[in-house]
Amino acid sequence: MKSIIVCLLAFVCSSVQAQHTTFLQQGRIEFEKKQNVHARIDEMYGDDNASWKDLEKKMTPKFSTSYFDLQFTGNITSYKPGRELQENVNVRESPAEANEVYTDLQKKESISQKKVFEQLYLQQDSIRRIRWKLTDETRKIAGFDCRRANAIIMDSIYVVAFYTDAIVTPGGPESFTGLPGMILGVALPHEHITWFATKVLVDDVQPGALKPPARGKKVTTAALNETISKTLDKWGNYGKAYLKGIML
């Protein structure tokens, strides 16, 4: 009897160890994107249009929530809009709410489909190089132990990210990559935006199943930035905030 108990304990211990050493190489992650809309309205309008700003806030919920799906297999990720919320049906679309981002991490290439007002662009370029600084802070996201990293992108945007090395693919939502594992949480504190994984599903994603977007006017990142800047340059703070939202 004693030998049976010892064997059972050994089996349980080996099973637990196996669970902790399992590394996902394919699947699907649902990301919840949240924005403090009123804080962004304050940024867009500044102190010069108090009456218009107050009216805009009365017509707009303080927070907006949307969902995106990130499918991954090996070194390929595909990020697209996910399930829709009923309360968003009549809400004005924010920048980047229709973004689709296909990333080949091995080739370090990215193809993004972005809607800017009524124009559709196909942004093709190398992936953004982000100089991450790892920290000792950790938190659990969607059941995974994650480690924090910080960075600055686009010269001035402070980024906080949390990644897990239990998912081998070193990708993340939007264009956030470059950490030794999958990014499951991103916060832009000064931009009032967050992306956090709500669930990780072990879907069977076959090689070749993920395809890059193909519709839109082909541009590089620099060309898209220049094109949008020319249009929004006269829009003051509103234009600057909109541009940042599109170029993330």
Protein backbone atom coordinates (compact mmCIF):
# COMPACT_ATOMS: atom_id res chain seq x y z
CA MET A 1 0.00 0.00 0.00
CA LYS A 2 2.82 2.33 0.93
CA SER A 3 4.53 1.74 -2.41
CA ILE A 4 1.29 2.57 -4.23
CA ILE A 5 0.98 5.88 -2.38
CA VAL A 6 4.60 6.74 -3.19
CA CYS A 7 3.98 6.01 -6.86
CA LEU A 8 0.84 8.16 -6.87
CA LEU A 9 2.69 11.06 -5.27
CA ALA A 10 5.48 10.74 -7.81
CA PHE A 11 2.94 10.77 -10.65
CA VAL A 12 1.20 13.88 -9.28
CA CYS A 13 4.51 15.68 -8.83
CA SER A 14 5.66 14.83 -12.35
CA SER A 15 2.27 15.95 -13.76
CA VAL A 16 2.47 19.31 -11.96
CA GLN A 17 6.03 19.79 -13.17
CA ALA A 18 4.98 18.97 -16.72
CA GLN A 19 2.20 21.57 -16.54
CA HIS A 20 4.68 24.25 -15.49
CA THR A 21 7.12 23.34 -18.26
CA THR A 22 4.49 23.40 -21.02
CA PHE A 23 5.14 26.25 -23.45
CA LEU A 24 2.43 27.34 -25.86
CA GLN A 25 3.47 27.76 -29.48
CA GLN A 26 0.04 28.38 -30.99
CA GLY A 27 -3.37 29.61 -29.92
CA ARG A 28 -5.62 32.65 -29.61
CA ILE A 29 -5.62 35.48 -27.09
CA GLU A 30 -8.52 37.84 -26.48
CA PHE A 31 -7.42 41.35 -25.57
CA GLU A 32 -9.66 43.88 -23.87
CA LYS A 33 -8.79 47.42 -24.90
CA LYS A 34 -9.93 50.21 -22.59
CA GLN A 35 -9.71 53.96 -23.05
CA ASN A 36 -10.51 56.84 -20.73
CA VAL A 37 -12.36 58.84 -23.37
CA HIS A 38 -12.95 61.92 -21.20
CA ALA A 39 -9.23 62.18 -20.40
CA ARG A 40 -8.46 62.02 -24.11
CA ILE A 41 -11.07 64.70 -24.81
CA ASP A 42 -9.32 66.93 -22.27
CA GLU A 43 -6.06 66.33 -24.11
CA MET A 44 -7.57 66.99 -27.52
CA TYR A 45 -9.36 70.25 -26.69
CA GLY A 46 -7.10 71.71 -24.00
CA ASP A 47 -8.34 74.80 -22.14
CA ASP A 48 -9.47 76.83 -25.15
CA ASN A 49 -12.78 75.10 -25.89
CA ALA A 50 -14.29 74.46 -22.47
CA SER A 51 -17.92 74.66 -23.60
CA TRP A 52 -17.38 72.36 -26.58
CA LYS A 53 -15.34 69.98 -24.44
CA ASP A 54 -18.09 69.77 -21.81
CA LEU A 55 -20.69 69.10 -24.51
CA GLU A 56 -18.53 66.34 -25.99
CA LYS A 57 -18.20 64.69 -22.57
CA LYS A 58 -21.95 64.77 -21.99
CA MET A 59 -22.49 62.98 -25.31
CA THR A 60 -19.75 60.39 -24.74
CA PRO A 61 -19.34 57.61 -22.13
CA LYS A 62 -16.33 58.18 -19.87
CA PHE A 63 -14.76 54.83 -20.76
CA SER A 64 -14.83 52.77 -23.93
CA THR A 65 -14.14 49.05 -24.17
CA SER A 66 -13.40 46.99 -27.26
CA TYR A 67 -12.02 43.52 -27.96
CA PHE A 68 -9.34 42.18 -30.27
CA ASP A 69 -8.14 38.65 -31.06
CA LEU A 70 -4.49 37.76 -31.47
CA GLN A 71 -3.87 34.42 -33.18
CA PHE A 72 -0.34 33.07 -33.13
CA THR A 73 1.60 30.11 -34.40
CA GLY A 74 5.39 29.86 -34.33
CA ASN A 75 6.75 33.28 -35.33
CA ILE A 76 3.55 34.55 -36.95
CA THR A 77 0.88 36.67 -35.23
CA SER A 78 -2.39 38.10 -36.55
CA TYR A 79 -4.21 40.80 -34.57
CA LYS A 80 -7.78 41.74 -35.57
CA PRO A 81 -10.95 43.27 -34.10
CA GLY A 82 -12.82 40.68 -32.02
CA ARG A 83 -16.30 40.43 -30.58
CA GLU A 84 -18.44 43.57 -30.65
CA LEU A 85 -20.24 45.08 -27.69
CA GLN A 86 -23.83 46.24 -28.14
CA GLU A 87 -23.15 49.54 -26.38
CA ASN A 88 -20.56 50.43 -29.04
CA VAL A 89 -22.99 50.21 -31.97
CA ASN A 90 -23.84 53.92 -32.00
CA VAL A 91 -20.52 55.18 -30.62
CA ARG A 92 -18.16 57.11 -32.89
CA GLU A 93 -15.22 54.91 -33.91
CA SER A 94 -11.94 55.81 -32.23
CA PRO A 95 -8.53 55.73 -33.98
CA ALA A 96 -7.12 52.20 -34.40
CA GLU A 97 -10.44 50.45 -33.57
CA ALA A 98 -10.39 48.68 -36.95
CA ASN A 99 -6.67 47.92 -37.07
CA GLU A 100 -5.44 44.56 -38.38
CA VAL A 101 -1.78 43.75 -37.79
CA TYR A 102 0.07 40.77 -39.28
CA THR A 103 3.60 40.23 -37.97
CA ASP A 104 6.34 37.87 -39.13
CA LEU A 105 8.67 37.90 -36.14
CA GLN A 106 11.36 35.83 -37.85
CA LYS A 107 11.57 38.17 -40.84
CA LYS A 108 10.95 41.19 -38.56
CA GLU A 109 8.26 42.43 -40.94
CA SER A 110 4.78 43.79 -40.29
CA ILE A 111 1.75 44.48 -42.49
CA SER A 112 -1.00 46.60 -40.94
CA GLN A 113 -4.39 47.55 -42.34
CA LYS A 114 -5.46 50.89 -40.85
CA LYS A 115 -8.57 52.94 -41.44
CA VAL A 116 -8.02 56.71 -41.28
CA PHE A 117 -11.40 58.37 -41.52
CA GLU A 118 -12.75 56.86 -44.77
CA GLN A 119 -9.38 55.93 -46.29
CA LEU A 120 -7.92 52.45 -45.89
CA TYR A 121 -4.13 52.11 -45.76
CA LEU A 122 -1.88 49.04 -45.94
CA GLN A 123 1.20 49.84 -43.89
CA GLN A 124 4.15 47.60 -44.79
CA ASP A 125 7.43 47.96 -42.93
CA SER A 126 9.90 46.36 -40.56
CA ILE A 127 8.60 45.78 -37.03
CA ARG A 128 9.09 48.57 -34.52
CA ARG A 129 12.31 48.26 -32.54
CA ILE A 130 11.53 48.86 -28.88
CA ARG A 131 14.24 49.20 -26.25
CA TRP A 132 12.64 47.45 -23.32
CA LYS A 133 13.92 47.70 -19.76
CA LEU A 134 13.01 44.64 -17.70
CA THR A 135 11.96 45.03 -14.06
CA ASP A 136 11.40 42.65 -11.14
CA GLU A 137 7.67 43.46 -10.87
CA THR A 138 5.27 40.65 -11.69
CA ARG A 139 1.52 40.17 -11.99
CA LYS A 140 -0.84 37.44 -13.12
CA ILE A 141 -2.78 38.02 -16.34
CA ALA A 142 -5.28 35.52 -17.77
CA GLY A 143 -3.79 32.86 -15.51
CA PHE A 144 -0.18 33.46 -16.57
CA ASP A 145 2.65 34.81 -14.42
CA CYS A 146 3.95 37.89 -16.23
CA ARG A 147 6.98 40.12 -15.79
CA ARG A 148 6.95 43.88 -16.28
CA ALA A 149 9.02 45.82 -18.83
CA ASN A 150 9.07 49.57 -19.59
CA ALA A 151 9.91 51.52 -22.74
CA ILE A 152 9.49 54.78 -24.65
CA ILE A 153 8.09 54.71 -28.20
CA MET A 154 7.50 57.45 -30.76
CA ASP A 155 9.95 59.67 -28.82
CA SER A 156 7.62 60.44 -25.93
CA ILE A 157 5.02 57.72 -25.26
CA TYR A 158 5.70 55.80 -22.04
CA VAL A 159 4.83 52.10 -22.28
CA VAL A 160 4.34 49.54 -19.52
CA ALA A 161 4.13 45.93 -20.70
CA PHE A 162 3.73 42.54 -19.02
CA TYR A 163 4.93 39.40 -20.79
CA THR A 164 5.01 35.66 -20.11
CA ASP A 165 7.70 33.27 -21.30
CA ALA A 166 5.17 30.41 -21.02
CA ILE A 167 4.00 31.46 -24.50
CA VAL A 168 6.95 31.07 -26.83
CA THR A 169 5.86 33.48 -29.59
CA PRO A 170 7.39 36.89 -28.71
CA GLY A 171 4.48 38.97 -29.99
CA GLY A 172 1.78 41.19 -28.54
CA PRO A 173 -1.21 43.42 -29.33
CA GLU A 174 -0.94 46.05 -32.06
CA SER A 175 2.77 46.58 -32.86
CA PHE A 176 4.14 45.75 -29.42
CA THR A 177 6.81 43.02 -29.68
CA GLY A 178 10.41 42.38 -28.73
CA LEU A 179 10.18 40.77 -25.29
CA PRO A 180 11.25 37.17 -24.50
CA GLY A 181 7.69 35.87 -24.59
CA MET A 182 4.13 36.91 -25.38
CA ILE A 183 2.98 40.32 -24.17
CA LEU A 184 -0.34 39.88 -22.34
CA GLY A 185 -0.72 43.41 -20.99
CA VAL A 186 0.12 46.91 -22.23
CA ALA A 187 -0.61 50.24 -20.56
CA LEU A 188 0.05 53.72 -21.92
CA PRO A 189 -0.56 55.73 -18.72
CA HIS A 190 -0.29 59.18 -20.28
CA GLU A 191 -2.40 58.19 -23.30
CA HIS A 192 -5.12 56.64 -21.09
CA ILE A 193 -5.17 53.33 -23.01
CA THR A 194 -4.67 49.72 -21.90
CA TRP A 195 -4.71 46.30 -23.54
CA PHE A 196 -4.99 43.27 -21.26
CA ALA A 197 -5.58 39.62 -22.14
CA THR A 198 -8.85 38.26 -20.78
CA LYS A 199 -8.27 34.68 -21.89
CA VAL A 200 -5.75 32.49 -23.70
CA LEU A 201 -7.19 29.64 -25.77
CA VAL A 202 -5.14 26.70 -27.02
CA ASP A 203 -6.62 26.82 -30.50
CA ASP A 204 -5.17 24.69 -33.27
CA VAL A 205 -3.68 27.27 -35.64
CA GLN A 206 -2.25 25.54 -38.70
CA PRO A 207 0.91 26.93 -40.37
CA GLY A 208 -0.15 29.08 -43.27
CA ALA A 209 -3.62 29.69 -41.83
CA LEU A 210 -2.77 33.26 -40.83
CA LYS A 211 -2.80 35.61 -43.80
CA PRO A 212 -1.73 39.26 -43.96
CA PRO A 213 -4.36 41.89 -44.81
CA ALA A 214 -4.39 42.82 -48.48
CA ARG A 215 -6.74 45.80 -48.87
CA GLY A 216 -5.73 49.43 -48.75
CA LYS A 217 -3.29 51.94 -50.22
CA LYS A 218 0.25 50.64 -49.71
CA VAL A 219 2.47 52.90 -47.60
CA THR A 220 5.48 52.71 -45.31
CA THR A 221 5.26 53.85 -41.71
CA ALA A 222 7.08 57.08 -42.51
CA ALA A 223 4.84 57.79 -45.52
CA LEU A 224 1.66 57.15 -43.52
CA ASN A 225 2.87 59.41 -40.74
CA GLU A 226 3.65 62.18 -43.22
CA THR A 227 0.32 61.81 -45.05
CA ILE A 228 -1.78 61.94 -41.88
CA SER A 229 0.32 64.75 -40.38
CA LYS A 230 -0.39 66.98 -43.37
CA THR A 231 -4.12 66.44 -42.94
CA LEU A 232 -4.22 66.83 -39.16
CA ASP A 233 -1.60 69.55 -38.75
CA LYS A 234 -4.27 72.26 -38.71
CA TRP A 235 -6.33 70.45 -36.08
CA GLY A 236 -4.10 71.37 -33.12
CA ASN A 237 -4.19 69.06 -30.08
CA TYR A 238 -7.02 67.02 -31.57
CA GLY A 239 -4.92 66.22 -34.62
CA LYS A 240 -1.90 65.27 -32.52
CA ALA A 241 -3.93 62.92 -30.32
CA TYR A 242 -5.60 61.31 -33.35
CA LEU A 243 -2.24 60.84 -35.06
CA LYS A 244 -0.76 59.09 -32.01
CA GLY A 245 -3.75 56.78 -31.87
CA ILE A 246 -3.34 55.76 -35.50
CA MET A 247 0.45 55.27 -35.39
CA LEU A 248 0.57 53.04 -32.29
